[in-house]
Amino acid sequence: MFDLDETLIVANTTKYFEDRIEALRGWLFHEIDPLRVQGMSSELKRYLEERLLLKQYAESDTVVDNEKVHKV
């Protein structure tokens, strides 16, 4: 149990995203259930997009999301 007044923060690194992307691609290769394939494909897409956002931020201290530039 944790105190509800506490803020939980999770930081994901480029390495984390790359590992998850690689794992999902492997699982997708072997999966035959269309619902699971759809779910994993959506998760893979999200990880690819988030990795791109992290890369943008690391390179330029800005992120483009929905055609809007967010600066530090």
Protein backbone atom coordinates (compact mmCIF):
# COMPACT_ATOMS: atom_id res chain seq x y z
CA MET A 1 0.00 0.00 0.00
CA PHE A 2 1.24 3.50 -0.71
CA ASP A 3 0.18 6.91 0.48
CA LEU A 4 -2.25 8.49 -1.98
CA ASP A 5 -0.61 11.87 -1.34
CA GLU A 6 2.60 10.59 -2.95
CA THR A 7 3.30 11.19 -6.62
CA LEU A 8 4.43 8.15 -8.56
CA ILE A 9 6.88 8.98 -11.33
CA VAL A 10 8.18 6.53 -13.91
CA ALA A 11 11.02 7.46 -16.23
CA ASN A 12 11.50 5.48 -19.42
CA THR A 13 14.83 5.48 -21.20
CA THR A 14 15.58 4.96 -24.86
CA LYS A 15 16.95 1.53 -23.92
CA TYR A 16 13.65 0.65 -22.22
CA PHE A 17 11.68 1.60 -25.33
CA GLU A 18 14.04 -0.34 -27.61
CA ASP A 19 13.80 -3.44 -25.40
CA ARG A 20 9.99 -3.29 -25.30
CA ILE A 21 9.77 -2.72 -29.06
CA GLU A 22 12.03 -5.71 -29.73
CA ALA A 23 10.04 -7.92 -27.34
CA LEU A 24 6.69 -6.92 -28.84
CA ARG A 25 7.94 -7.58 -32.36
CA GLY A 26 9.03 -11.06 -31.29
CA TRP A 27 5.70 -11.79 -29.64
CA LEU A 28 3.77 -10.49 -32.66
CA PHE A 29 5.73 -12.80 -34.94
CA HIS A 30 4.42 -15.84 -33.05
CA GLU A 31 0.91 -14.65 -32.10
CA ILE A 32 -2.09 -16.02 -33.99
CA ASP A 33 -5.01 -14.58 -31.97
CA PRO A 34 -6.28 -11.52 -33.91
CA LEU A 35 -7.35 -9.68 -30.73
CA ARG A 36 -3.94 -10.12 -29.12
CA VAL A 37 -2.24 -9.09 -32.38
CA GLN A 38 -4.35 -5.94 -32.46
CA GLY A 39 -3.54 -5.10 -28.83
CA MET A 40 0.17 -5.75 -29.24
CA SER A 41 0.24 -3.76 -32.49
CA SER A 42 -1.33 -0.78 -30.73
CA GLU A 43 1.15 -1.06 -27.88
CA LEU A 44 4.05 -1.31 -30.36
CA LYS A 45 2.84 1.80 -32.18
CA ARG A 46 2.65 3.69 -28.87
CA TYR A 47 6.19 2.68 -27.90
CA LEU A 48 7.52 3.71 -31.32
CA GLU A 49 5.84 7.12 -31.02
CA GLU A 50 7.07 7.64 -27.45
CA ARG A 51 10.63 6.67 -28.42
CA LEU A 52 10.48 9.28 -31.20
CA LEU A 53 9.29 11.93 -28.73
CA LEU A 54 12.12 11.07 -26.35
CA LYS A 55 14.64 11.28 -29.20
CA GLN A 56 13.28 14.68 -30.28
CA TYR A 57 13.55 15.96 -26.73
CA ALA A 58 17.09 14.64 -26.25
CA GLU A 59 18.28 16.26 -29.48
CA SER A 60 16.56 19.64 -29.32
CA ASP A 61 14.86 20.18 -25.93
CA THR A 62 11.56 20.37 -27.83
CA VAL A 63 8.82 17.94 -28.73
CA VAL A 64 6.32 18.19 -31.57
CA ASP A 65 2.96 16.69 -30.62
CA ASN A 66 -0.13 17.13 -32.81
CA GLU A 67 1.75 19.75 -34.83
CA LYS A 68 2.34 21.83 -31.68
CA VAL A 69 5.90 22.46 -30.51
CA HIS A 70 6.49 22.09 -26.77
CA LYS A 71 9.68 23.70 -25.47
CA VAL A 72 11.50 23.16 -22.22
